[in-house]
C-alpha atoms as a PDB file:
ATOM      1  CA  MET A   1      -6.102  23.311   2.517  1.00  0.00           C
ATOM      2  CA  SER A   2      -2.689  23.534   0.910  1.00  0.00           C
ATOM      3  CA  ARG A   3      -1.649  21.736  -2.257  1.00  0.00           C
ATOM      4  CA  VAL A   4      -1.087  18.004  -1.710  1.00  0.00           C
ATOM      5  CA  ILE A   5       1.823  16.310  -3.483  1.00  0.00           C
ATOM      6  CA  PHE A   6       2.056  12.574  -4.246  1.00  0.00           C
ATOM      7  CA  ALA A   7       5.638  11.656  -5.171  1.00  0.00           C
ATOM      8  CA  PRO A   8       8.022   8.686  -5.173  1.00  0.00           C
ATOM      9  CA  VAL A   9      10.063   8.200  -2.012  1.00  0.00           C
ATOM     10  CA  ALA A  10      13.266   6.160  -1.760  1.00  0.00           C
ATOM     11  CA  ALA A  11      13.117   3.014   0.373  1.00  0.00           C
ATOM     12  CA  SER A  12      16.219   4.306   2.154  1.00  0.00           C
ATOM     13  CA  GLU A  13      14.518   7.485   3.425  1.00  0.00           C
ATOM     14  CA  ASP A  14      14.250   7.598   7.211  1.00  0.00           C
ATOM     15  CA  MET A  15      10.692   8.951   7.099  1.00  0.00           C
ATOM     16  CA  LEU A  16       9.451   5.825   5.326  1.00  0.00           C
ATOM     17  CA  ALA A  17      11.029   3.352   7.756  1.00  0.00           C
ATOM     18  CA  GLN A  18       9.990   5.444  10.772  1.00  0.00           C
ATOM     19  CA  ALA A  19       6.371   5.708   9.609  1.00  0.00           C
ATOM     20  CA  LEU A  20       6.138   1.971   8.949  1.00  0.00           C
ATOM     21  CA  SER A  21       7.818   1.059  12.234  1.00  0.00           C
ATOM     22  CA  ALA A  22       5.535   3.374  14.206  1.00  0.00           C
ATOM     23  CA  ALA A  23       2.518   1.709  12.561  1.00  0.00           C
ATOM     24  CA  ARG A  24       3.976  -1.732  13.356  1.00  0.00           C
ATOM     25  CA  LEU A  25       4.282  -2.623   9.678  1.00  0.00           C
ATOM     26  CA  PRO A  26       7.190  -4.660   8.278  1.00  0.00           C
ATOM     27  CA  THR A  27      10.355  -2.861   7.193  1.00  0.00           C
ATOM     28  CA  VAL A  28      12.662  -5.805   6.490  1.00  0.00           C
ATOM     29  CA  ASP A  29      11.568  -5.946   2.843  1.00  0.00           C
ATOM     30  CA  LEU A  30      11.856  -2.235   2.002  1.00  0.00           C
ATOM     31  CA  ASP A  31      14.855  -2.753  -0.261  1.00  0.00           C
ATOM     32  CA  ASP A  32      13.457  -5.798  -2.053  1.00  0.00           C
ATOM     33  CA  PRO A  33      13.400  -5.409  -5.838  1.00  0.00           C
ATOM     34  CA  GLY A  34      10.164  -4.487  -7.555  1.00  0.00           C
ATOM     35  CA  ARG A  35       8.885  -2.208  -4.792  1.00  0.00           C
ATOM     36  CA  ALA A  36       7.948   1.445  -5.203  1.00  0.00           C
ATOM     37  CA  PHE A  37       6.953   3.776  -2.387  1.00  0.00           C
ATOM     38  CA  PHE A  38       5.126   7.072  -2.552  1.00  0.00           C
ATOM     39  CA  ALA A  39       4.733   9.848  -0.026  1.00  0.00           C
ATOM     40  CA  LEU A  40       1.874  12.284   0.320  1.00  0.00           C
ATOM     41  CA  SER A  41       2.814  15.694   1.687  1.00  0.00           C
ATOM     42  CA  ASP A  42       1.715  19.304   1.769  1.00  0.00           C
ATOM     43  CA  ASP A  43       3.058  22.632   3.014  1.00  0.00           C
ATOM     44  CA  ALA A  44       2.724  21.392   6.606  1.00  0.00           C
ATOM     45  CA  GLY A  45       4.985  18.370   5.901  1.00  0.00           C
ATOM     46  CA  PRO A  46       4.604  14.605   5.445  1.00  0.00           C
ATOM     47  CA  ILE A  47       1.111  13.113   5.529  1.00  0.00           C
ATOM     48  CA  GLY A  48       1.645   9.429   4.816  1.00  0.00           C
ATOM     49  CA  VAL A  49       3.093   6.725   2.610  1.00  0.00           C
ATOM     50  CA  ILE A  50       1.974   3.788   0.489  1.00  0.00           C
ATOM     51  CA  GLY A  51       3.737   1.108  -1.525  1.00  0.00           C
ATOM     52  CA  LEU A  52       3.232  -0.966  -4.645  1.00  0.00           C
ATOM     53  CA  GLU A  53       5.049  -4.188  -5.405  1.00  0.00           C
ATOM     54  CA  GLY A  54       5.432  -6.157  -8.607  1.00  0.00           C
ATOM     55  CA  THR A  55       5.062  -5.757 -12.337  1.00  0.00           C
ATOM     56  CA  GLY A  56       2.489  -6.862 -14.846  1.00  0.00           C
ATOM     57  CA  ALA A  57      -1.247  -7.193 -14.425  1.00  0.00           C
ATOM     58  CA  ASP A  58      -1.226  -8.022 -10.699  1.00  0.00           C
ATOM     59  CA  ARG A  59       0.381  -5.774  -8.079  1.00  0.00           C
ATOM     60  CA  LEU A  60       0.505  -5.793  -4.305  1.00  0.00           C
ATOM     61  CA  LEU A  61      -0.679  -2.656  -2.515  1.00  0.00           C
ATOM     62  CA  CYS A  62       1.271  -2.412   0.739  1.00  0.00           C
ATOM     63  CA  SER A  63       2.534  -0.237   3.548  1.00  0.00           C
ATOM     64  CA  LEU A  64      -0.312   2.269   3.819  1.00  0.00           C
ATOM     65  CA  VAL A  65       0.384   4.646   6.693  1.00  0.00           C
ATOM     66  CA  VAL A  66      -1.114   8.027   7.538  1.00  0.00           C
ATOM     67  CA  LEU A  67       0.891   9.837  10.202  1.00  0.00           C
ATOM     68  CA  PRO A  68      -1.042  10.070  13.492  1.00  0.00           C
ATOM     69  CA  ALA A  69      -1.362  13.870  13.459  1.00  0.00           C
ATOM     70  CA  ARG A  70      -2.859  13.739   9.932  1.00  0.00           C
ATOM     71  CA  LYS A  71      -5.459  10.983  10.437  1.00  0.00           C
ATOM     72  CA  ARG A  72      -9.210  11.339  10.023  1.00  0.00           C
ATOM     73  CA  ARG A  73      -8.959  13.864   7.181  1.00  0.00           C
ATOM     74  CA  GLY A  74      -9.413  11.552   4.174  1.00  0.00           C
ATOM     75  CA  TYR A  75      -5.713  11.189   3.431  1.00  0.00           C
ATOM     76  CA  GLY A  76      -5.762   7.375   3.591  1.00  0.00           C
ATOM     77  CA  GLY A  77      -8.356   7.255   0.840  1.00  0.00           C
ATOM     78  CA  LEU A  78      -6.375   9.798  -1.166  1.00  0.00           C
ATOM     79  CA  LEU A  79      -3.188   7.709  -0.843  1.00  0.00           C
ATOM     80  CA  VAL A  80      -5.026   4.604  -2.041  1.00  0.00           C
ATOM     81  CA  ALA A  81      -6.654   6.456  -4.960  1.00  0.00           C
ATOM     82  CA  ARG A  82      -3.325   7.932  -6.074  1.00  0.00           C
ATOM     83  CA  ALA A  83      -1.589   4.529  -5.824  1.00  0.00           C
ATOM     84  CA  GLU A  84      -4.387   2.932  -7.837  1.00  0.00           C
ATOM     85  CA  ALA A  85      -4.076   5.630 -10.522  1.00  0.00           C
ATOM     86  CA  HIS A  86      -0.308   5.139 -10.663  1.00  0.00           C
ATOM     87  CA  ALA A  87      -0.692   1.350 -10.989  1.00  0.00           C
ATOM     88  CA  ARG A  88      -3.376   1.759 -13.670  1.00  0.00           C
ATOM     89  CA  GLN A  89      -1.106   4.066 -15.700  1.00  0.00           C
ATOM     90  CA  ASP A  90       1.582   1.385 -15.388  1.00  0.00           C
ATOM     91  CA  VAL A  91      -0.851  -1.165 -16.963  1.00  0.00           C
ATOM     92  CA  ALA A  92      -1.772  -3.012 -13.772  1.00  0.00           C
ATOM     93  CA  GLU A  93      -5.197  -4.636 -13.910  1.00  0.00           C
ATOM     94  CA  ARG A  94      -5.656  -5.778 -10.299  1.00  0.00           C
ATOM     95  CA  LEU A  95      -4.408  -4.751  -6.900  1.00  0.00           C
ATOM     96  CA  HIS A  96      -4.058  -7.240  -4.058  1.00  0.00           C
ATOM     97  CA  LEU A  97      -3.453  -6.558  -0.381  1.00  0.00           C
ATOM     98  CA  LEU A  98      -3.288  -8.104   3.056  1.00  0.00           C
ATOM     99  CA  THR A  99      -4.548  -6.277   6.135  1.00  0.00           C
ATOM    100  CA  GLN A 100      -4.998  -7.211   9.749  1.00  0.00           C
ATOM    101  CA  THR A 101      -6.533  -3.948  10.911  1.00  0.00           C
ATOM    102  CA  VAL A 102      -8.609  -2.141   8.275  1.00  0.00           C
ATOM    103  CA  PRO A 103     -10.429  -4.507   5.893  1.00  0.00           C
ATOM    104  CA  ASP A 104     -13.567  -2.334   6.067  1.00  0.00           C
ATOM    105  CA  PHE A 105     -11.579   0.721   4.933  1.00  0.00           C
ATOM    106  CA  PHE A 106     -10.484  -1.131   1.785  1.00  0.00           C
ATOM    107  CA  GLN A 107     -13.836  -2.828   1.177  1.00  0.00           C
ATOM    108  CA  SER A 108     -15.500   0.598   1.188  1.00  0.00           C
ATOM    109  CA  ARG A 109     -13.124   1.461  -1.683  1.00  0.00           C
ATOM    110  CA  GLY A 110     -14.096  -1.521  -3.841  1.00  0.00           C
ATOM    111  CA  TYR A 111     -11.717  -4.202  -2.601  1.00  0.00           C
ATOM    112  CA  ARG A 112     -13.366  -7.590  -2.196  1.00  0.00           C
ATOM    113  CA  PRO A 113     -12.386 -10.503   0.047  1.00  0.00           C
ATOM    114  CA  ALA A 114     -10.723 -13.475  -1.627  1.00  0.00           C
ATOM    115  CA  GLU A 115      -9.134 -16.762  -0.618  1.00  0.00           C
ATOM    116  CA  ARG A 116      -5.357 -16.503  -0.220  1.00  0.00           C
ATOM    117  CA  ALA A 117      -4.980 -19.713  -2.220  1.00  0.00           C
ATOM    118  CA  SER A 118      -6.498 -17.903  -5.229  1.00  0.00           C
ATOM    119  CA  ALA A 119      -3.712 -15.298  -5.362  1.00  0.00           C
ATOM    120  CA  PRO A 120      -1.630 -15.382  -8.542  1.00  0.00           C
ATOM    121  CA  ALA A 121       1.870 -16.825  -8.114  1.00  0.00           C
ATOM    122  CA  SER A 122       3.438 -13.374  -8.543  1.00  0.00           C
ATOM    123  CA  ILE A 123       1.507 -12.156  -5.485  1.00  0.00           C
ATOM    124  CA  GLY A 124       1.633 -15.348  -3.429  1.00  0.00           C
ATOM    125  CA  SER A 125       5.419 -15.462  -3.662  1.00  0.00           C
ATOM    126  CA  THR A 126       5.957 -11.977  -2.184  1.00  0.00           C
ATOM    127  CA  ALA A 127       7.455 -11.656   1.289  1.00  0.00           C
ATOM    128  CA  GLN A 128       4.171 -10.147   2.496  1.00  0.00           C
ATOM    129  CA  PHE A 129       2.289 -13.326   1.559  1.00  0.00           C
ATOM    130  CA  ALA A 130       5.002 -15.855   2.229  1.00  0.00           C
ATOM    131  CA  SER A 131       6.154 -14.780   5.666  1.00  0.00           C
ATOM    132  CA  LEU A 132       5.492 -11.211   6.836  1.00  0.00           C
ATOM    133  CA  CYS A 133       1.697 -11.222   7.175  1.00  0.00           C
ATOM    134  CA  PRO A 134       0.032 -13.872   9.304  1.00  0.00           C
ATOM    135  CA  ALA A 135      -2.542 -16.268   7.887  1.00  0.00           C
ATOM    136  CA  SER A 136      -5.208 -14.343   9.838  1.00  0.00           C
ATOM    137  CA  ALA A 137      -4.711 -11.227   7.661  1.00  0.00           C
ATOM    138  CA  ALA A 138      -7.594 -10.479   5.312  1.00  0.00           C
ATOM    139  CA  TYR A 139      -6.748 -10.906   1.619  1.00  0.00           C
ATOM    140  CA  LEU A 140      -8.518  -8.391  -0.626  1.00  0.00           C
ATOM    141  CA  VAL A 141      -8.495  -7.782  -4.392  1.00  0.00           C
ATOM    142  CA  LYS A 142      -9.676  -4.953  -6.638  1.00  0.00           C
ATOM    143  CA  ASP A 143      -9.941  -4.803 -10.427  1.00  0.00           C
ATOM    144  CA  ILE A 144      -8.570  -1.428 -11.525  1.00  0.00           C
ATOM    145  CA  ALA A 145      -8.349  -1.838 -15.324  1.00  0.00           C
END
């Protein structure tokens, strides 16, 4: 296995928008303020992307995508772990997320189901919560402090 690199990626990069579009995830909010995206890659090329939104104690984990040719090798878990470490170093205490497709994946990594109404205002007011994710999406939270 070659060395894996986790690095910031600009919201304007084509790879980010293409990966999210292919996974049927929203792209209309990529340029919104307060968002940071990270790419995982190795010598063979891009592996996947993940995003964090917000500042302060509560952050939104969003836009997790592993490219189809790189799935089923543990890269999704690695992306989440690296994003959690980055958020922790930036003094975040909790990560929140919405998912329609993989709640079990996140629950196996310590995220717990919560009521959307219990989300802090800084999370509840994001585009993901307010309009981009349907009410049927699972809301999950993890303490990372």
